[in-house]
Each structure stands twice: as C-alpha cells, then as structure tokens.
C-alpha cells in the first residue's frame, strides 16, 4: 500500500488498504 501510494497508483493502494481492513475485520 505504501509503495503503490508513493508511485501514485492509487487504485492499487486502495485495494491493499481494503485488504488490510478485511484482515482486521
């Protein structure tokens, strides 16, 4: 997520953030 956000690949970054939220849930 950090790498994708740094590279301005926001759709991929948001997908990884959603994955982290799923793991937490």
PDBML (XML) file of the C-alpha atoms, coordinates in Angstrom:
<?xml version="1.0" encoding="UTF-8" ?>
<PDBx:datablock datablockName="MODEL"
   xmlns:PDBx="http://pdbml.pdb.org/schema/pdbx-v50.xsd"
   xmlns:xsi="http://www.w3.org/2001/XMLSchema-instance"
   xsi:schemaLocation="http://pdbml.pdb.org/schema/pdbx-v50.xsd pdbx-v50.xsd">
   <PDBx:atom_siteCategory>
      <PDBx:atom_site id="1">
         <PDBx:B_iso_or_equiv>0.00</PDBx:B_iso_or_equiv>
         <PDBx:Cartn_x>0.000</PDBx:Cartn_x>
         <PDBx:Cartn_y>0.000</PDBx:Cartn_y>
         <PDBx:Cartn_z>0.000</PDBx:Cartn_z>
         <PDBx:auth_asym_id>A</PDBx:auth_asym_id>
         <PDBx:auth_atom_id>CA</PDBx:auth_atom_id>
         <PDBx:auth_comp_id>UNK</PDBx:auth_comp_id>
         <PDBx:auth_seq_id>1</PDBx:auth_seq_id>
         <PDBx:group_PDB>ATOM</PDBx:group_PDB>
         <PDBx:label_alt_id xsi:nil="true" />
         <PDBx:label_asym_id>A</PDBx:label_asym_id>
         <PDBx:label_atom_id>CA</PDBx:label_atom_id>
         <PDBx:label_comp_id>UNK</PDBx:label_comp_id>
         <PDBx:label_entity_id>1</PDBx:label_entity_id>
         <PDBx:label_seq_id>1</PDBx:label_seq_id>
         <PDBx:occupancy>1.00</PDBx:occupancy>
         <PDBx:pdbx_PDB_model_num>1</PDBx:pdbx_PDB_model_num>
         <PDBx:type_symbol>C</PDBx:type_symbol>
      </PDBx:atom_site>
      <PDBx:atom_site id="2">
         <PDBx:B_iso_or_equiv>0.00</PDBx:B_iso_or_equiv>
         <PDBx:Cartn_x>2.819</PDBx:Cartn_x>
         <PDBx:Cartn_y>2.394</PDBx:Cartn_y>
         <PDBx:Cartn_z>0.842</PDBx:Cartn_z>
         <PDBx:auth_asym_id>A</PDBx:auth_asym_id>
         <PDBx:auth_atom_id>CA</PDBx:auth_atom_id>
         <PDBx:auth_comp_id>UNK</PDBx:auth_comp_id>
         <PDBx:auth_seq_id>2</PDBx:auth_seq_id>
         <PDBx:group_PDB>ATOM</PDBx:group_PDB>
         <PDBx:label_alt_id xsi:nil="true" />
         <PDBx:label_asym_id>A</PDBx:label_asym_id>
         <PDBx:label_atom_id>CA</PDBx:label_atom_id>
         <PDBx:label_comp_id>UNK</PDBx:label_comp_id>
         <PDBx:label_entity_id>1</PDBx:label_entity_id>
         <PDBx:label_seq_id>2</PDBx:label_seq_id>
         <PDBx:occupancy>1.00</PDBx:occupancy>
         <PDBx:pdbx_PDB_model_num>1</PDBx:pdbx_PDB_model_num>
         <PDBx:type_symbol>C</PDBx:type_symbol>
      </PDBx:atom_site>
      <PDBx:atom_site id="3">
         <PDBx:B_iso_or_equiv>0.00</PDBx:B_iso_or_equiv>
         <PDBx:Cartn_x>4.701</PDBx:Cartn_x>
         <PDBx:Cartn_y>1.627</PDBx:Cartn_y>
         <PDBx:Cartn_z>-2.331</PDBx:Cartn_z>
         <PDBx:auth_asym_id>A</PDBx:auth_asym_id>
         <PDBx:auth_atom_id>CA</PDBx:auth_atom_id>
         <PDBx:auth_comp_id>UNK</PDBx:auth_comp_id>
         <PDBx:auth_seq_id>3</PDBx:auth_seq_id>
         <PDBx:group_PDB>ATOM</PDBx:group_PDB>
         <PDBx:label_alt_id xsi:nil="true" />
         <PDBx:label_asym_id>A</PDBx:label_asym_id>
         <PDBx:label_atom_id>CA</PDBx:label_atom_id>
         <PDBx:label_comp_id>UNK</PDBx:label_comp_id>
         <PDBx:label_entity_id>1</PDBx:label_entity_id>
         <PDBx:label_seq_id>3</PDBx:label_seq_id>
         <PDBx:occupancy>1.00</PDBx:occupancy>
         <PDBx:pdbx_PDB_model_num>1</PDBx:pdbx_PDB_model_num>
         <PDBx:type_symbol>C</PDBx:type_symbol>
      </PDBx:atom_site>
      <PDBx:atom_site id="4">
         <PDBx:B_iso_or_equiv>0.00</PDBx:B_iso_or_equiv>
         <PDBx:Cartn_x>1.635</PDBx:Cartn_x>
         <PDBx:Cartn_y>1.983</PDBx:Cartn_y>
         <PDBx:Cartn_z>-4.551</PDBx:Cartn_z>
         <PDBx:auth_asym_id>A</PDBx:auth_asym_id>
         <PDBx:auth_atom_id>CA</PDBx:auth_atom_id>
         <PDBx:auth_comp_id>UNK</PDBx:auth_comp_id>
         <PDBx:auth_seq_id>4</PDBx:auth_seq_id>
         <PDBx:group_PDB>ATOM</PDBx:group_PDB>
         <PDBx:label_alt_id xsi:nil="true" />
         <PDBx:label_asym_id>A</PDBx:label_asym_id>
         <PDBx:label_atom_id>CA</PDBx:label_atom_id>
         <PDBx:label_comp_id>UNK</PDBx:label_comp_id>
         <PDBx:label_entity_id>1</PDBx:label_entity_id>
         <PDBx:label_seq_id>4</PDBx:label_seq_id>
         <PDBx:occupancy>1.00</PDBx:occupancy>
         <PDBx:pdbx_PDB_model_num>1</PDBx:pdbx_PDB_model_num>
         <PDBx:type_symbol>C</PDBx:type_symbol>
      </PDBx:atom_site>
      <PDBx:atom_site id="5">
         <PDBx:B_iso_or_equiv>0.00</PDBx:B_iso_or_equiv>
         <PDBx:Cartn_x>0.659</PDBx:Cartn_x>
         <PDBx:Cartn_y>5.274</PDBx:Cartn_y>
         <PDBx:Cartn_z>-2.912</PDBx:Cartn_z>
         <PDBx:auth_asym_id>A</PDBx:auth_asym_id>
         <PDBx:auth_atom_id>CA</PDBx:auth_atom_id>
         <PDBx:auth_comp_id>UNK</PDBx:auth_comp_id>
         <PDBx:auth_seq_id>5</PDBx:auth_seq_id>
         <PDBx:group_PDB>ATOM</PDBx:group_PDB>
         <PDBx:label_alt_id xsi:nil="true" />
         <PDBx:label_asym_id>A</PDBx:label_asym_id>
         <PDBx:label_atom_id>CA</PDBx:label_atom_id>
         <PDBx:label_comp_id>UNK</PDBx:label_comp_id>
         <PDBx:label_entity_id>1</PDBx:label_entity_id>
         <PDBx:label_seq_id>5</PDBx:label_seq_id>
         <PDBx:occupancy>1.00</PDBx:occupancy>
         <PDBx:pdbx_PDB_model_num>1</PDBx:pdbx_PDB_model_num>
         <PDBx:type_symbol>C</PDBx:type_symbol>
      </PDBx:atom_site>
      <PDBx:atom_site id="6">
         <PDBx:B_iso_or_equiv>0.00</PDBx:B_iso_or_equiv>
         <PDBx:Cartn_x>4.192</PDBx:Cartn_x>
         <PDBx:Cartn_y>6.623</PDBx:Cartn_y>
         <PDBx:Cartn_z>-3.349</PDBx:Cartn_z>
         <PDBx:auth_asym_id>A</PDBx:auth_asym_id>
         <PDBx:auth_atom_id>CA</PDBx:auth_atom_id>
         <PDBx:auth_comp_id>UNK</PDBx:auth_comp_id>
         <PDBx:auth_seq_id>6</PDBx:auth_seq_id>
         <PDBx:group_PDB>ATOM</PDBx:group_PDB>
         <PDBx:label_alt_id xsi:nil="true" />
         <PDBx:label_asym_id>A</PDBx:label_asym_id>
         <PDBx:label_atom_id>CA</PDBx:label_atom_id>
         <PDBx:label_comp_id>UNK</PDBx:label_comp_id>
         <PDBx:label_entity_id>1</PDBx:label_entity_id>
         <PDBx:label_seq_id>6</PDBx:label_seq_id>
         <PDBx:occupancy>1.00</PDBx:occupancy>
         <PDBx:pdbx_PDB_model_num>1</PDBx:pdbx_PDB_model_num>
         <PDBx:type_symbol>C</PDBx:type_symbol>
      </PDBx:atom_site>
      <PDBx:atom_site id="7">
         <PDBx:B_iso_or_equiv>0.00</PDBx:B_iso_or_equiv>
         <PDBx:Cartn_x>4.070</PDBx:Cartn_x>
         <PDBx:Cartn_y>5.717</PDBx:Cartn_y>
         <PDBx:Cartn_z>-7.035</PDBx:Cartn_z>
         <PDBx:auth_asym_id>A</PDBx:auth_asym_id>
         <PDBx:auth_atom_id>CA</PDBx:auth_atom_id>
         <PDBx:auth_comp_id>UNK</PDBx:auth_comp_id>
         <PDBx:auth_seq_id>7</PDBx:auth_seq_id>
         <PDBx:group_PDB>ATOM</PDBx:group_PDB>
         <PDBx:label_alt_id xsi:nil="true" />
         <PDBx:label_asym_id>A</PDBx:label_asym_id>
         <PDBx:label_atom_id>CA</PDBx:label_atom_id>
         <PDBx:label_comp_id>UNK</PDBx:label_comp_id>
         <PDBx:label_entity_id>1</PDBx:label_entity_id>
         <PDBx:label_seq_id>7</PDBx:label_seq_id>
         <PDBx:occupancy>1.00</PDBx:occupancy>
         <PDBx:pdbx_PDB_model_num>1</PDBx:pdbx_PDB_model_num>
         <PDBx:type_symbol>C</PDBx:type_symbol>
      </PDBx:atom_site>
      <PDBx:atom_site id="8">
         <PDBx:B_iso_or_equiv>0.00</PDBx:B_iso_or_equiv>
         <PDBx:Cartn_x>0.650</PDBx:Cartn_x>
         <PDBx:Cartn_y>7.445</PDBx:Cartn_y>
         <PDBx:Cartn_z>-7.337</PDBx:Cartn_z>
         <PDBx:auth_asym_id>A</PDBx:auth_asym_id>
         <PDBx:auth_atom_id>CA</PDBx:auth_atom_id>
         <PDBx:auth_comp_id>UNK</PDBx:auth_comp_id>
         <PDBx:auth_seq_id>8</PDBx:auth_seq_id>
         <PDBx:group_PDB>ATOM</PDBx:group_PDB>
         <PDBx:label_alt_id xsi:nil="true" />
         <PDBx:label_asym_id>A</PDBx:label_asym_id>
         <PDBx:label_atom_id>CA</PDBx:label_atom_id>
         <PDBx:label_comp_id>UNK</PDBx:label_comp_id>
         <PDBx:label_entity_id>1</PDBx:label_entity_id>
         <PDBx:label_seq_id>8</PDBx:label_seq_id>
         <PDBx:occupancy>1.00</PDBx:occupancy>
         <PDBx:pdbx_PDB_model_num>1</PDBx:pdbx_PDB_model_num>
         <PDBx:type_symbol>C</PDBx:type_symbol>
      </PDBx:atom_site>
      <PDBx:atom_site id="9">
         <PDBx:B_iso_or_equiv>0.00</PDBx:B_iso_or_equiv>
         <PDBx:Cartn_x>-1.021</PDBx:Cartn_x>
         <PDBx:Cartn_y>4.147</PDBx:Cartn_y>
         <PDBx:Cartn_z>-8.227</PDBx:Cartn_z>
         <PDBx:auth_asym_id>A</PDBx:auth_asym_id>
         <PDBx:auth_atom_id>CA</PDBx:auth_atom_id>
         <PDBx:auth_comp_id>UNK</PDBx:auth_comp_id>
         <PDBx:auth_seq_id>9</PDBx:auth_seq_id>
         <PDBx:group_PDB>ATOM</PDBx:group_PDB>
         <PDBx:label_alt_id xsi:nil="true" />
         <PDBx:label_asym_id>A</PDBx:label_asym_id>
         <PDBx:label_atom_id>CA</PDBx:label_atom_id>
         <PDBx:label_comp_id>UNK</PDBx:label_comp_id>
         <PDBx:label_entity_id>1</PDBx:label_entity_id>
         <PDBx:label_seq_id>9</PDBx:label_seq_id>
         <PDBx:occupancy>1.00</PDBx:occupancy>
         <PDBx:pdbx_PDB_model_num>1</PDBx:pdbx_PDB_model_num>
         <PDBx:type_symbol>C</PDBx:type_symbol>
      </PDBx:atom_site>
      <PDBx:atom_site id="10">
         <PDBx:B_iso_or_equiv>0.00</PDBx:B_iso_or_equiv>
         <PDBx:Cartn_x>-3.976</PDBx:Cartn_x>
         <PDBx:Cartn_y>4.912</PDBx:Cartn_y>
         <PDBx:Cartn_z>-6.022</PDBx:Cartn_z>
         <PDBx:auth_asym_id>A</PDBx:auth_asym_id>
         <PDBx:auth_atom_id>CA</PDBx:auth_atom_id>
         <PDBx:auth_comp_id>UNK</PDBx:auth_comp_id>
         <PDBx:auth_seq_id>10</PDBx:auth_seq_id>
         <PDBx:group_PDB>ATOM</PDBx:group_PDB>
         <PDBx:label_alt_id xsi:nil="true" />
         <PDBx:label_asym_id>A</PDBx:label_asym_id>
         <PDBx:label_atom_id>CA</PDBx:label_atom_id>
         <PDBx:label_comp_id>UNK</PDBx:label_comp_id>
         <PDBx:label_entity_id>1</PDBx:label_entity_id>
         <PDBx:label_seq_id>10</PDBx:label_seq_id>
         <PDBx:occupancy>1.00</PDBx:occupancy>
         <PDBx:pdbx_PDB_model_num>1</PDBx:pdbx_PDB_model_num>
         <PDBx:type_symbol>C</PDBx:type_symbol>
      </PDBx:atom_site>
      <PDBx:atom_site id="11">
         <PDBx:B_iso_or_equiv>0.00</PDBx:B_iso_or_equiv>
         <PDBx:Cartn_x>-6.356</PDBx:Cartn_x>
         <PDBx:Cartn_y>2.182</PDBx:Cartn_y>
         <PDBx:Cartn_z>-7.162</PDBx:Cartn_z>
         <PDBx:auth_asym_id>A</PDBx:auth_asym_id>
         <PDBx:auth_atom_id>CA</PDBx:auth_atom_id>
         <PDBx:auth_comp_id>UNK</PDBx:auth_comp_id>
         <PDBx:auth_seq_id>11</PDBx:auth_seq_id>
         <PDBx:group_PDB>ATOM</PDBx:group_PDB>
         <PDBx:label_alt_id xsi:nil="true" />
         <PDBx:label_asym_id>A</PDBx:label_asym_id>
         <PDBx:label_atom_id>CA</PDBx:label_atom_id>
         <PDBx:label_comp_id>UNK</PDBx:label_comp_id>
         <PDBx:label_entity_id>1</PDBx:label_entity_id>
         <PDBx:label_seq_id>11</PDBx:label_seq_id>
         <PDBx:occupancy>1.00</PDBx:occupancy>
         <PDBx:pdbx_PDB_model_num>1</PDBx:pdbx_PDB_model_num>
         <PDBx:type_symbol>C</PDBx:type_symbol>
      </PDBx:atom_site>
      <PDBx:atom_site id="12">
         <PDBx:B_iso_or_equiv>0.00</PDBx:B_iso_or_equiv>
         <PDBx:Cartn_x>-3.785</PDBx:Cartn_x>
         <PDBx:Cartn_y>-0.460</PDBx:Cartn_y>
         <PDBx:Cartn_z>-6.275</PDBx:Cartn_z>
         <PDBx:auth_asym_id>A</PDBx:auth_asym_id>
         <PDBx:auth_atom_id>CA</PDBx:auth_atom_id>
         <PDBx:auth_comp_id>UNK</PDBx:auth_comp_id>
         <PDBx:auth_seq_id>12</PDBx:auth_seq_id>
         <PDBx:group_PDB>ATOM</PDBx:group_PDB>
         <PDBx:label_alt_id xsi:nil="true" />
         <PDBx:label_asym_id>A</PDBx:label_asym_id>
         <PDBx:label_atom_id>CA</PDBx:label_atom_id>
         <PDBx:label_comp_id>UNK</PDBx:label_comp_id>
         <PDBx:label_entity_id>1</PDBx:label_entity_id>
         <PDBx:label_seq_id>12</PDBx:label_seq_id>
         <PDBx:occupancy>1.00</PDBx:occupancy>
         <PDBx:pdbx_PDB_model_num>1</PDBx:pdbx_PDB_model_num>
         <PDBx:type_symbol>C</PDBx:type_symbol>
      </PDBx:atom_site>
      <PDBx:atom_site id="13">
         <PDBx:B_iso_or_equiv>0.00</PDBx:B_iso_or_equiv>
         <PDBx:Cartn_x>-3.026</PDBx:Cartn_x>
         <PDBx:Cartn_y>1.303</PDBx:Cartn_y>
         <PDBx:Cartn_z>-2.967</PDBx:Cartn_z>
         <PDBx:auth_asym_id>A</PDBx:auth_asym_id>
         <PDBx:auth_atom_id>CA</PDBx:auth_atom_id>
         <PDBx:auth_comp_id>UNK</PDBx:auth_comp_id>
         <PDBx:auth_seq_id>13</PDBx:auth_seq_id>
         <PDBx:group_PDB>ATOM</PDBx:group_PDB>
         <PDBx:label_alt_id xsi:nil="true" />
         <PDBx:label_asym_id>A</PDBx:label_asym_id>
         <PDBx:label_atom_id>CA</PDBx:label_atom_id>
         <PDBx:label_comp_id>UNK</PDBx:label_comp_id>
         <PDBx:label_entity_id>1</PDBx:label_entity_id>
         <PDBx:label_seq_id>13</PDBx:label_seq_id>
         <PDBx:occupancy>1.00</PDBx:occupancy>
         <PDBx:pdbx_PDB_model_num>1</PDBx:pdbx_PDB_model_num>
         <PDBx:type_symbol>C</PDBx:type_symbol>
      </PDBx:atom_site>
      <PDBx:atom_site id="14">
         <PDBx:B_iso_or_equiv>0.00</PDBx:B_iso_or_equiv>
         <PDBx:Cartn_x>-6.726</PDBx:Cartn_x>
         <PDBx:Cartn_y>1.454</PDBx:Cartn_y>
         <PDBx:Cartn_z>-2.032</PDBx:Cartn_z>
         <PDBx:auth_asym_id>A</PDBx:auth_asym_id>
         <PDBx:auth_atom_id>CA</PDBx:auth_atom_id>
         <PDBx:auth_comp_id>UNK</PDBx:auth_comp_id>
         <PDBx:auth_seq_id>14</PDBx:auth_seq_id>
         <PDBx:group_PDB>ATOM</PDBx:group_PDB>
         <PDBx:label_alt_id xsi:nil="true" />
         <PDBx:label_asym_id>A</PDBx:label_asym_id>
         <PDBx:label_atom_id>CA</PDBx:label_atom_id>
         <PDBx:label_comp_id>UNK</PDBx:label_comp_id>
         <PDBx:label_entity_id>1</PDBx:label_entity_id>
         <PDBx:label_seq_id>14</PDBx:label_seq_id>
         <PDBx:occupancy>1.00</PDBx:occupancy>
         <PDBx:pdbx_PDB_model_num>1</PDBx:pdbx_PDB_model_num>
         <PDBx:type_symbol>C</PDBx:type_symbol>
      </PDBx:atom_site>
      <PDBx:atom_site id="15">
         <PDBx:B_iso_or_equiv>0.00</PDBx:B_iso_or_equiv>
         <PDBx:Cartn_x>-7.060</PDBx:Cartn_x>
         <PDBx:Cartn_y>-2.248</PDBx:Cartn_y>
         <PDBx:Cartn_z>-2.894</PDBx:Cartn_z>
         <PDBx:auth_asym_id>A</PDBx:auth_asym_id>
         <PDBx:auth_atom_id>CA</PDBx:auth_atom_id>
         <PDBx:auth_comp_id>UNK</PDBx:auth_comp_id>
         <PDBx:auth_seq_id>15</PDBx:auth_seq_id>
         <PDBx:group_PDB>ATOM</PDBx:group_PDB>
         <PDBx:label_alt_id xsi:nil="true" />
         <PDBx:label_asym_id>A</PDBx:label_asym_id>
         <PDBx:label_atom_id>CA</PDBx:label_atom_id>
         <PDBx:label_comp_id>UNK</PDBx:label_comp_id>
         <PDBx:label_entity_id>1</PDBx:label_entity_id>
         <PDBx:label_seq_id>15</PDBx:label_seq_id>
         <PDBx:occupancy>1.00</PDBx:occupancy>
         <PDBx:pdbx_PDB_model_num>1</PDBx:pdbx_PDB_model_num>
         <PDBx:type_symbol>C</PDBx:type_symbol>
      </PDBx:atom_site>
      <PDBx:atom_site id="16">
         <PDBx:B_iso_or_equiv>0.00</PDBx:B_iso_or_equiv>
         <PDBx:Cartn_x>-4.276</PDBx:Cartn_x>
         <PDBx:Cartn_y>-3.088</PDBx:Cartn_y>
         <PDBx:Cartn_z>-0.421</PDBx:Cartn_z>
         <PDBx:auth_asym_id>A</PDBx:auth_asym_id>
         <PDBx:auth_atom_id>CA</PDBx:auth_atom_id>
         <PDBx:auth_comp_id>UNK</PDBx:auth_comp_id>
         <PDBx:auth_seq_id>16</PDBx:auth_seq_id>
         <PDBx:group_PDB>ATOM</PDBx:group_PDB>
         <PDBx:label_alt_id xsi:nil="true" />
         <PDBx:label_asym_id>A</PDBx:label_asym_id>
         <PDBx:label_atom_id>CA</PDBx:label_atom_id>
         <PDBx:label_comp_id>UNK</PDBx:label_comp_id>
         <PDBx:label_entity_id>1</PDBx:label_entity_id>
         <PDBx:label_seq_id>16</PDBx:label_seq_id>
         <PDBx:occupancy>1.00</PDBx:occupancy>
         <PDBx:pdbx_PDB_model_num>1</PDBx:pdbx_PDB_model_num>
         <PDBx:type_symbol>C</PDBx:type_symbol>
      </PDBx:atom_site>
      <PDBx:atom_site id="17">
         <PDBx:B_iso_or_equiv>0.00</PDBx:B_iso_or_equiv>
         <PDBx:Cartn_x>-5.788</PDBx:Cartn_x>
         <PDBx:Cartn_y>-0.816</PDBx:Cartn_y>
         <PDBx:Cartn_z>2.248</PDBx:Cartn_z>
         <PDBx:auth_asym_id>A</PDBx:auth_asym_id>
         <PDBx:auth_atom_id>CA</PDBx:auth_atom_id>
         <PDBx:auth_comp_id>UNK</PDBx:auth_comp_id>
         <PDBx:auth_seq_id>17</PDBx:auth_seq_id>
         <PDBx:group_PDB>ATOM</PDBx:group_PDB>
         <PDBx:label_alt_id xsi:nil="true" />
         <PDBx:label_asym_id>A</PDBx:label_asym_id>
         <PDBx:label_atom_id>CA</PDBx:label_atom_id>
         <PDBx:label_comp_id>UNK</PDBx:label_comp_id>
         <PDBx:label_entity_id>1</PDBx:label_entity_id>
         <PDBx:label_seq_id>17</PDBx:label_seq_id>
         <PDBx:occupancy>1.00</PDBx:occupancy>
         <PDBx:pdbx_PDB_model_num>1</PDBx:pdbx_PDB_model_num>
         <PDBx:type_symbol>C</PDBx:type_symbol>
      </PDBx:atom_site>
      <PDBx:atom_site id="18">
         <PDBx:B_iso_or_equiv>0.00</PDBx:B_iso_or_equiv>
         <PDBx:Cartn_x>-9.119</PDBx:Cartn_x>
         <PDBx:Cartn_y>-2.576</PDBx:Cartn_y>
         <PDBx:Cartn_z>1.779</PDBx:Cartn_z>
         <PDBx:auth_asym_id>A</PDBx:auth_asym_id>
         <PDBx:auth_atom_id>CA</PDBx:auth_atom_id>
         <PDBx:auth_comp_id>UNK</PDBx:auth_comp_id>
         <PDBx:auth_seq_id>18</PDBx:auth_seq_id>
         <PDBx:group_PDB>ATOM</PDBx:group_PDB>
         <PDBx:label_alt_id xsi:nil="true" />
         <PDBx:label_asym_id>A</PDBx:label_asym_id>
         <PDBx:label_atom_id>CA</PDBx:label_atom_id>
         <PDBx:label_comp_id>UNK</PDBx:label_comp_id>
         <PDBx:label_entity_id>1</PDBx:label_entity_id>
         <PDBx:label_seq_id>18</PDBx:label_seq_id>
         <PDBx:occupancy>1.00</PDBx:occupancy>
         <PDBx:pdbx_PDB_model_num>1</PDBx:pdbx_PDB_model_num>
         <PDBx:type_symbol>C</PDBx:type_symbol>
      </PDBx:atom_site>
      <PDBx:atom_site id="19">
         <PDBx:B_iso_or_equiv>0.00</PDBx:B_iso_or_equiv>
         <PDBx:Cartn_x>-7.307</PDBx:Cartn_x>
         <PDBx:Cartn_y>-5.897</PDBx:Cartn_y>
         <PDBx:Cartn_z>2.141</PDBx:Cartn_z>
         <PDBx:auth_asym_id>A</PDBx:auth_asym_id>
         <PDBx:auth_atom_id>CA</PDBx:auth_atom_id>
         <PDBx:auth_comp_id>UNK</PDBx:auth_comp_id>
         <PDBx:auth_seq_id>19</PDBx:auth_seq_id>
         <PDBx:group_PDB>ATOM</PDBx:group_PDB>
         <PDBx:label_alt_id xsi:nil="true" />
         <PDBx:label_asym_id>A</PDBx:label_asym_id>
         <PDBx:label_atom_id>CA</PDBx:label_atom_id>
         <PDBx:label_comp_id>UNK</PDBx:label_comp_id>
         <PDBx:label_entity_id>1</PDBx:label_entity_id>
         <PDBx:label_seq_id>19</PDBx:label_seq_id>
         <PDBx:occupancy>1.00</PDBx:occupancy>
         <PDBx:pdbx_PDB_model_num>1</PDBx:pdbx_PDB_model_num>
         <PDBx:type_symbol>C</PDBx:type_symbol>
      </PDBx:atom_site>
      <PDBx:atom_site id="20">
         <PDBx:B_iso_or_equiv>0.00</PDBx:B_iso_or_equiv>
         <PDBx:Cartn_x>-5.800</PDBx:Cartn_x>
         <PDBx:Cartn_y>-4.730</PDBx:Cartn_y>
         <PDBx:Cartn_z>5.461</PDBx:Cartn_z>
         <PDBx:auth_asym_id>A</PDBx:auth_asym_id>
         <PDBx:auth_atom_id>CA</PDBx:auth_atom_id>
         <PDBx:auth_comp_id>UNK</PDBx:auth_comp_id>
         <PDBx:auth_seq_id>20</PDBx:auth_seq_id>
         <PDBx:group_PDB>ATOM</PDBx:group_PDB>
         <PDBx:label_alt_id xsi:nil="true" />
         <PDBx:label_asym_id>A</PDBx:label_asym_id>
         <PDBx:label_atom_id>CA</PDBx:label_atom_id>
         <PDBx:label_comp_id>UNK</PDBx:label_comp_id>
         <PDBx:label_entity_id>1</PDBx:label_entity_id>
         <PDBx:label_seq_id>20</PDBx:label_seq_id>
         <PDBx:occupancy>1.00</PDBx:occupancy>
         <PDBx:pdbx_PDB_model_num>1</PDBx:pdbx_PDB_model_num>
         <PDBx:type_symbol>C</PDBx:type_symbol>
      </PDBx:atom_site>
      <PDBx:atom_site id="21">
         <PDBx:B_iso_or_equiv>0.00</PDBx:B_iso_or_equiv>
         <PDBx:Cartn_x>-9.246</PDBx:Cartn_x>
         <PDBx:Cartn_y>-3.673</PDBx:Cartn_y>
         <PDBx:Cartn_z>6.640</PDBx:Cartn_z>
         <PDBx:auth_asym_id>A</PDBx:auth_asym_id>
         <PDBx:auth_atom_id>CA</PDBx:auth_atom_id>
         <PDBx:auth_comp_id>UNK</PDBx:auth_comp_id>
         <PDBx:auth_seq_id>21</PDBx:auth_seq_id>
         <PDBx:group_PDB>ATOM</PDBx:group_PDB>
         <PDBx:label_alt_id xsi:nil="true" />
         <PDBx:label_asym_id>A</PDBx:label_asym_id>
         <PDBx:label_atom_id>CA</PDBx:label_atom_id>
         <PDBx:label_comp_id>UNK</PDBx:label_comp_id>
         <PDBx:label_entity_id>1</PDBx:label_entity_id>
         <PDBx:label_seq_id>21</PDBx:label_seq_id>
         <PDBx:occupancy>1.00</PDBx:occupancy>
         <PDBx:pdbx_PDB_model_num>1</PDBx:pdbx_PDB_model_num>
         <PDBx:type_symbol>C</PDBx:type_symbol>
      </PDBx:atom_site>
      <PDBx:atom_site id="22">
         <PDBx:B_iso_or_equiv>0.00</PDBx:B_iso_or_equiv>
         <PDBx:Cartn_x>-10.561</PDBx:Cartn_x>
         <PDBx:Cartn_y>-7.118</PDBx:Cartn_y>
         <PDBx:Cartn_z>5.696</PDBx:Cartn_z>
         <PDBx:auth_asym_id>A</PDBx:auth_asym_id>
         <PDBx:auth_atom_id>CA</PDBx:auth_atom_id>
         <PDBx:auth_comp_id>UNK</PDBx:auth_comp_id>
         <PDBx:auth_seq_id>22</PDBx:auth_seq_id>
         <PDBx:group_PDB>ATOM</PDBx:group_PDB>
         <PDBx:label_alt_id xsi:nil="true" />
         <PDBx:label_asym_id>A</PDBx:label_asym_id>
         <PDBx:label_atom_id>CA</PDBx:label_atom_id>
         <PDBx:label_comp_id>UNK</PDBx:label_comp_id>
         <PDBx:label_entity_id>1</PDBx:label_entity_id>
         <PDBx:label_seq_id>22</PDBx:label_seq_id>
         <PDBx:occupancy>1.00</PDBx:occupancy>
         <PDBx:pdbx_PDB_model_num>1</PDBx:pdbx_PDB_model_num>
         <PDBx:type_symbol>C</PDBx:type_symbol>
      </PDBx:atom_site>
      <PDBx:atom_site id="23">
         <PDBx:B_iso_or_equiv>0.00</PDBx:B_iso_or_equiv>
         <PDBx:Cartn_x>-7.778</PDBx:Cartn_x>
         <PDBx:Cartn_y>-8.811</PDBx:Cartn_y>
         <PDBx:Cartn_z>7.675</PDBx:Cartn_z>
         <PDBx:auth_asym_id>A</PDBx:auth_asym_id>
         <PDBx:auth_atom_id>CA</PDBx:auth_atom_id>
         <PDBx:auth_comp_id>UNK</PDBx:auth_comp_id>
         <PDBx:auth_seq_id>23</PDBx:auth_seq_id>
         <PDBx:group_PDB>ATOM</PDBx:group_PDB>
         <PDBx:label_alt_id xsi:nil="true" />
         <PDBx:label_asym_id>A</PDBx:label_asym_id>
         <PDBx:label_atom_id>CA</PDBx:label_atom_id>
         <PDBx:label_comp_id>UNK</PDBx:label_comp_id>
         <PDBx:label_entity_id>1</PDBx:label_entity_id>
         <PDBx:label_seq_id>23</PDBx:label_seq_id>
         <PDBx:occupancy>1.00</PDBx:occupancy>
         <PDBx:pdbx_PDB_model_num>1</PDBx:pdbx_PDB_model_num>
         <PDBx:type_symbol>C</PDBx:type_symbol>
      </PDBx:atom_site>
      <PDBx:atom_site id="24">
         <PDBx:B_iso_or_equiv>0.00</PDBx:B_iso_or_equiv>
         <PDBx:Cartn_x>-8.647</PDBx:Cartn_x>
         <PDBx:Cartn_y>-6.684</PDBx:Cartn_y>
         <PDBx:Cartn_z>10.716</PDBx:Cartn_z>
         <PDBx:auth_asym_id>A</PDBx:auth_asym_id>
         <PDBx:auth_atom_id>CA</PDBx:auth_atom_id>
         <PDBx:auth_comp_id>UNK</PDBx:auth_comp_id>
         <PDBx:auth_seq_id>24</PDBx:auth_seq_id>
         <PDBx:group_PDB>ATOM</PDBx:group_PDB>
         <PDBx:label_alt_id xsi:nil="true" />
         <PDBx:label_asym_id>A</PDBx:label_asym_id>
         <PDBx:label_atom_id>CA</PDBx:label_atom_id>
         <PDBx:label_comp_id>UNK</PDBx:label_comp_id>
         <PDBx:label_entity_id>1</PDBx:label_entity_id>
         <PDBx:label_seq_id>24</PDBx:label_seq_id>
         <PDBx:occupancy>1.00</PDBx:occupancy>
         <PDBx:pdbx_PDB_model_num>1</PDBx:pdbx_PDB_model_num>
         <PDBx:type_symbol>C</PDBx:type_symbol>
      </PDBx:atom_site>
      <PDBx:atom_site id="25">
         <PDBx:B_iso_or_equiv>0.00</PDBx:B_iso_or_equiv>
         <PDBx:Cartn_x>-12.350</PDBx:Cartn_x>
         <PDBx:Cartn_y>-7.485</PDBx:Cartn_y>
         <PDBx:Cartn_z>10.402</PDBx:Cartn_z>
         <PDBx:auth_asym_id>A</PDBx:auth_asym_id>
         <PDBx:auth_atom_id>CA</PDBx:auth_atom_id>
         <PDBx:auth_comp_id>UNK</PDBx:auth_comp_id>
         <PDBx:auth_seq_id>25</PDBx:auth_seq_id>
         <PDBx:group_PDB>ATOM</PDBx:group_PDB>
         <PDBx:label_alt_id xsi:nil="true" />
         <PDBx:label_asym_id>A</PDBx:label_asym_id>
         <PDBx:label_atom_id>CA</PDBx:label_atom_id>
         <PDBx:label_comp_id>UNK</PDBx:label_comp_id>
         <PDBx:label_entity_id>1</PDBx:label_entity_id>
         <PDBx:label_seq_id>25</PDBx:label_seq_id>
         <PDBx:occupancy>1.00</PDBx:occupancy>
         <PDBx:pdbx_PDB_model_num>1</PDBx:pdbx_PDB_model_num>
         <PDBx:type_symbol>C</PDBx:type_symbol>
      </PDBx:atom_site>
   </PDBx:atom_siteCategory>
</PDBx:datablock>
